[in-house]
C-alpha atoms as a PDB file:
ATOM      1  CA  MET A   1      53.556  64.349 104.045  1.00  0.00           C
ATOM      2  CA  ILE A   2      52.489  61.328 106.166  1.00  0.00           C
ATOM      3  CA  ARG A   3      51.111  58.775 103.564  1.00  0.00           C
ATOM      4  CA  ASP A   4      48.916  56.754 106.149  1.00  0.00           C
ATOM      5  CA  ILE A   5      47.688  58.496 109.034  1.00  0.00           C
ATOM      6  CA  GLU A   6      46.108  55.471 110.978  1.00  0.00           C
ATOM      7  CA  PRO A   7      49.109  54.020 112.439  1.00  0.00           C
ATOM      8  CA  LEU A   8      50.182  57.352 113.668  1.00  0.00           C
ATOM      9  CA  ALA A   9      47.000  58.264 115.149  1.00  0.00           C
ATOM     10  CA  HIS A  10      46.516  55.009 116.926  1.00  0.00           C
ATOM     11  CA  ALA A  11      50.072  55.307 118.215  1.00  0.00           C
ATOM     12  CA  VAL A  12      49.401  58.779 119.544  1.00  0.00           C
ATOM     13  CA  ALA A  13      46.085  57.586 121.252  1.00  0.00           C
ATOM     14  CA  GLN A  14      48.020  55.061 123.053  1.00  0.00           C
ATOM     15  CA  LEU A  15      50.295  57.894 124.625  1.00  0.00           C
ATOM     16  CA  ASP A  16      47.227  58.647 126.553  1.00  0.00           C
ATOM     17  CA  SER A  17      46.649  55.207 127.973  1.00  0.00           C
ATOM     18  CA  ALA A  18      46.676  54.669 131.700  1.00  0.00           C
ATOM     19  CA  ASP A  19      48.860  51.514 131.223  1.00  0.00           C
ATOM     20  CA  PRO A  20      52.661  52.416 131.266  1.00  0.00           C
ATOM     21  CA  ALA A  21      53.440  49.645 129.076  1.00  0.00           C
ATOM     22  CA  GLU A  22      50.908  50.824 126.306  1.00  0.00           C
ATOM     23  CA  ARG A  23      52.608  54.272 126.338  1.00  0.00           C
ATOM     24  CA  LEU A  24      56.030  52.771 125.951  1.00  0.00           C
ATOM     25  CA  THR A  25      54.831  50.588 122.817  1.00  0.00           C
ATOM     26  CA  ALA A  26      53.338  53.735 121.496  1.00  0.00           C
ATOM     27  CA  VAL A  27      56.816  55.732 121.617  1.00  0.00           C
ATOM     28  CA  HIS A  28      58.369  52.648 119.878  1.00  0.00           C
ATOM     29  CA  ALA A  29      55.703  52.502 117.169  1.00  0.00           C
ATOM     30  CA  ILE A  30      55.879  56.327 116.559  1.00  0.00           C
ATOM     31  CA  ALA A  31      59.912  55.934 116.328  1.00  0.00           C
ATOM     32  CA  ALA A  32      59.390  53.029 113.821  1.00  0.00           C
ATOM     33  CA  LEU A  33      57.307  55.412 111.802  1.00  0.00           C
ATOM     34  CA  THR A  34      60.089  58.052 111.724  1.00  0.00           C
ATOM     35  CA  GLU A  35      61.784  55.571 109.919  1.00  0.00           C
ATOM     36  CA  GLU A  36      59.348  55.232 106.988  1.00  0.00           C
ATOM     37  CA  HIS A  37      58.925  58.881 106.497  1.00  0.00           C
ATOM     38  CA  VAL A  38      61.429  61.544 105.188  1.00  0.00           C
ATOM     39  CA  GLY A  39      61.275  65.389 105.243  1.00  0.00           C
ATOM     40  CA  GLU A  40      58.395  67.171 106.528  1.00  0.00           C
ATOM     41  CA  GLY A  41      56.488  63.839 107.303  1.00  0.00           C
ATOM     42  CA  ARG A  42      59.238  62.610 109.266  1.00  0.00           C
ATOM     43  CA  GLU A  43      59.153  65.854 111.331  1.00  0.00           C
ATOM     44  CA  ALA A  44      55.431  65.815 111.702  1.00  0.00           C
ATOM     45  CA  VAL A  45      55.955  62.270 113.412  1.00  0.00           C
ATOM     46  CA  LEU A  46      58.753  63.431 115.472  1.00  0.00           C
ATOM     47  CA  ASP A  47      56.938  66.257 116.753  1.00  0.00           C
ATOM     48  CA  HIS A  48      54.451  63.994 118.230  1.00  0.00           C
ATOM     49  CA  LEU A  49      57.053  62.494 120.766  1.00  0.00           C
ATOM     50  CA  ARG A  50      58.687  65.934 121.321  1.00  0.00           C
ATOM     51  CA  ALA A  51      54.866  66.995 122.467  1.00  0.00           C
ATOM     52  CA  TYR A  52      54.702  63.895 124.712  1.00  0.00           C
ATOM     53  CA  LEU A  53      57.912  64.800 126.209  1.00  0.00           C
ATOM     54  CA  ARG A  54      56.868  68.093 127.085  1.00  0.00           C
ATOM     55  CA  ARG A  55      53.650  67.028 128.774  1.00  0.00           C
ATOM     56  CA  PRO A  56      53.616  66.841 132.590  1.00  0.00           C
ATOM     57  CA  PRO A  57      53.791  63.081 133.813  1.00  0.00           C
ATOM     58  CA  GLY A  58      50.633  61.410 134.046  1.00  0.00           C
ATOM     59  CA  PRO A  59      49.316  59.663 137.237  1.00  0.00           C
ATOM     60  CA  THR A  60      51.009  56.207 136.672  1.00  0.00           C
ATOM     61  CA  SER A  61      54.813  55.742 135.826  1.00  0.00           C
ATOM     62  CA  ASP A  62      55.611  57.590 132.481  1.00  0.00           C
ATOM     63  CA  GLN A  63      59.442  57.077 133.128  1.00  0.00           C
ATOM     64  CA  PRO A  64      60.279  54.193 130.574  1.00  0.00           C
ATOM     65  CA  ALA A  65      58.090  55.567 128.018  1.00  0.00           C
ATOM     66  CA  ARG A  66      59.529  59.216 128.592  1.00  0.00           C
ATOM     67  CA  ASP A  67      63.166  57.546 128.548  1.00  0.00           C
ATOM     68  CA  ALA A  68      62.594  55.941 125.637  1.00  0.00           C
ATOM     69  CA  ALA A  69      61.404  59.049 123.574  1.00  0.00           C
ATOM     70  CA  ALA A  70      64.101  61.081 124.810  1.00  0.00           C
ATOM     71  CA  ARG A  71      66.764  58.555 123.790  1.00  0.00           C
ATOM     72  CA  TYR A  72      65.221  58.280 120.519  1.00  0.00           C
ATOM     73  CA  LEU A  73      65.042  61.976 119.940  1.00  0.00           C
ATOM     74  CA  ASN A  74      68.680  62.502 121.281  1.00  0.00           C
ATOM     75  CA  GLY A  75      70.295  59.355 119.991  1.00  0.00           C
ATOM     76  CA  PRO A  76      72.100  56.480 122.253  1.00  0.00           C
END
């Protein structure tokens, strides 16, 4: 279970930002949150990164954020 939903909700909202740097920050914030959670809570946080990668790219460059999310999910 996710203990404090507020940081995750904020980071997920940032994934919809028009600013590519803000989206990249959101990916890193979500990745950091996975380190704080175990079990089902960790999987729930990771689901947001997976969902982000499944979305079609936005009107501005998503590639840096998508690359960071993929690296986190797939390892170095």
